[in-house]
Amino acid sequence: GEIFGTQGGARIGPVEFCKMISEPASMEIYKNMQGIPVNITPVLEDVNSYDAEVKHFIDCIIQGREPTTPAEQAIEVMRIIDAIYKSAQTGQMVRIGNGRGRPDSLRCR
């Protein structure tokens, strides 16, 4: 699937549930730089993200720290996911607010 906004976008290859764990998923991230989409895909180490998330959450509780990802960001991610589903169902571009007073466009293919 693809997702493109006014500031950047991403392209993610098809998810294969039978794919070997050692094979990385096909993903590209783009940033809009002066009207040109530039590939800024980071190279990430192979980490079990669920284990890391739970460990971080437990560490925050034990040490009395705020989580790296605040609840407000999780809400924003859910709004984007909802817009992705709506766009996929309707085949139309969906406008979502970005929390800074101006709408961003979201189009899924």
Protein backbone atom coordinates (compact mmCIF):
# COMPACT_ATOMS: atom_id res chain seq x y z
CA GLY A 1 0.00 0.00 0.00
CA GLU A 2 0.94 3.63 -0.31
CA ILE A 3 0.22 6.66 1.82
CA PHE A 4 1.17 10.17 0.79
CA GLY A 5 0.59 13.41 2.67
CA THR A 6 1.59 17.02 2.14
CA GLN A 7 4.89 16.53 4.03
CA GLY A 8 5.85 13.02 2.90
CA GLY A 9 4.66 9.46 2.48
CA ALA A 10 5.40 5.76 2.64
CA ARG A 11 5.20 2.72 0.40
CA ILE A 12 4.88 -0.69 2.02
CA GLY A 13 5.07 -3.95 0.09
CA PRO A 14 2.50 -6.71 0.54
CA VAL A 15 2.58 -8.44 3.90
CA GLU A 16 3.20 -12.15 3.62
CA PHE A 17 2.33 -13.99 6.81
CA CYS A 18 4.31 -17.05 5.73
CA LYS A 19 7.43 -14.99 4.99
CA MET A 20 10.52 -16.00 6.88
CA ILE A 21 11.14 -13.77 9.90
CA SER A 22 14.71 -13.08 8.78
CA GLU A 23 13.47 -11.41 5.59
CA PRO A 24 12.79 -7.68 6.07
CA ALA A 25 9.45 -6.23 4.98
CA SER A 26 9.52 -4.08 1.88
CA MET A 27 9.08 -0.47 3.03
CA GLU A 28 10.12 2.98 1.81
CA ILE A 29 9.59 6.33 3.55
CA TYR A 30 9.58 9.61 1.65
CA LYS A 31 9.90 13.25 2.68
CA ASN A 32 8.73 16.10 0.49
CA MET A 33 11.78 18.31 -0.11
CA GLN A 34 11.04 21.33 -2.29
CA GLY A 35 8.31 19.43 -4.12
CA ILE A 36 10.42 16.32 -4.74
CA PRO A 37 9.76 13.05 -2.84
CA VAL A 38 13.11 11.98 -1.33
CA ASN A 39 13.57 8.44 0.01
CA ILE A 40 14.56 8.73 3.71
CA THR A 41 14.00 5.08 4.68
CA PRO A 42 16.12 4.30 7.76
CA VAL A 43 18.09 1.08 8.10
CA LEU A 44 16.86 -0.56 11.28
CA GLU A 45 18.33 -3.34 13.37
CA ASP A 46 16.30 -6.52 13.74
CA VAL A 47 14.43 -6.09 17.06
CA ASN A 48 11.25 -7.67 18.36
CA SER A 49 9.27 -4.43 18.58
CA TYR A 50 6.58 -5.86 20.85
CA ASP A 51 9.17 -7.01 23.43
CA ALA A 52 10.93 -3.62 23.25
CA GLU A 53 7.62 -1.76 23.70
CA VAL A 54 6.64 -3.80 26.77
CA LYS A 55 10.14 -3.45 28.29
CA HIS A 56 10.06 0.34 27.77
CA PHE A 57 6.59 0.58 29.35
CA ILE A 58 7.68 -1.44 32.40
CA ASP A 59 10.87 0.64 32.76
CA CYS A 60 8.77 3.84 32.69
CA ILE A 61 6.52 2.53 35.47
CA ILE A 62 9.45 1.41 37.64
CA GLN A 63 11.44 4.63 37.12
CA GLY A 64 8.44 7.00 37.14
CA ARG A 65 9.19 8.37 33.65
CA GLU A 66 6.86 9.38 30.84
CA PRO A 67 6.77 6.94 27.89
CA THR A 68 8.65 7.98 24.74
CA THR A 69 5.37 7.93 22.82
CA PRO A 70 2.65 9.95 24.58
CA ALA A 71 -1.02 8.93 24.45
CA GLU A 72 -1.78 11.97 22.25
CA GLN A 73 0.49 10.56 19.55
CA ALA A 74 -1.25 7.18 19.74
CA ILE A 75 -4.60 8.94 19.23
CA GLU A 76 -3.20 10.74 16.17
CA VAL A 77 -1.96 7.42 14.76
CA MET A 78 -5.43 5.90 15.22
CA ARG A 79 -6.99 8.88 13.37
CA ILE A 80 -4.61 8.23 10.48
CA ILE A 81 -5.40 4.49 10.48
CA ASP A 82 -9.14 5.28 10.43
CA ALA A 83 -8.57 7.60 7.45
CA ILE A 84 -6.59 4.87 5.66
CA TYR A 85 -9.50 2.44 6.04
CA LYS A 86 -12.00 5.07 4.86
CA SER A 87 -9.83 5.93 1.84
CA ALA A 88 -9.38 2.25 0.98
CA GLN A 89 -13.14 1.62 1.21
CA THR A 90 -14.18 4.66 -0.84
CA GLY A 91 -11.19 4.98 -3.19
CA GLN A 92 -11.23 8.69 -2.40
CA MET A 93 -8.73 11.05 -0.80
CA VAL A 94 -9.51 11.67 2.88
CA ARG A 95 -8.62 14.93 4.62
CA ILE A 96 -7.48 14.73 8.21
CA GLY A 97 -6.49 17.53 10.56
CA ASN A 98 -2.88 17.57 11.64
CA GLY A 99 -3.48 19.25 15.00
CA ARG A 100 -1.80 22.45 13.81
CA GLY A 101 -4.88 24.07 12.32
CA ARG A 102 -4.49 22.95 8.71
CA PRO A 103 -5.68 19.75 7.05
CA ASP A 104 -3.37 17.19 5.50
CA SER A 105 -4.46 15.03 2.59
CA LEU A 106 -4.31 11.26 2.71
CA ARG A 107 -4.72 8.99 -0.29
CA CYS A 108 -4.50 5.19 -0.22
CA ARG A 109 -4.20 2.85 -3.17
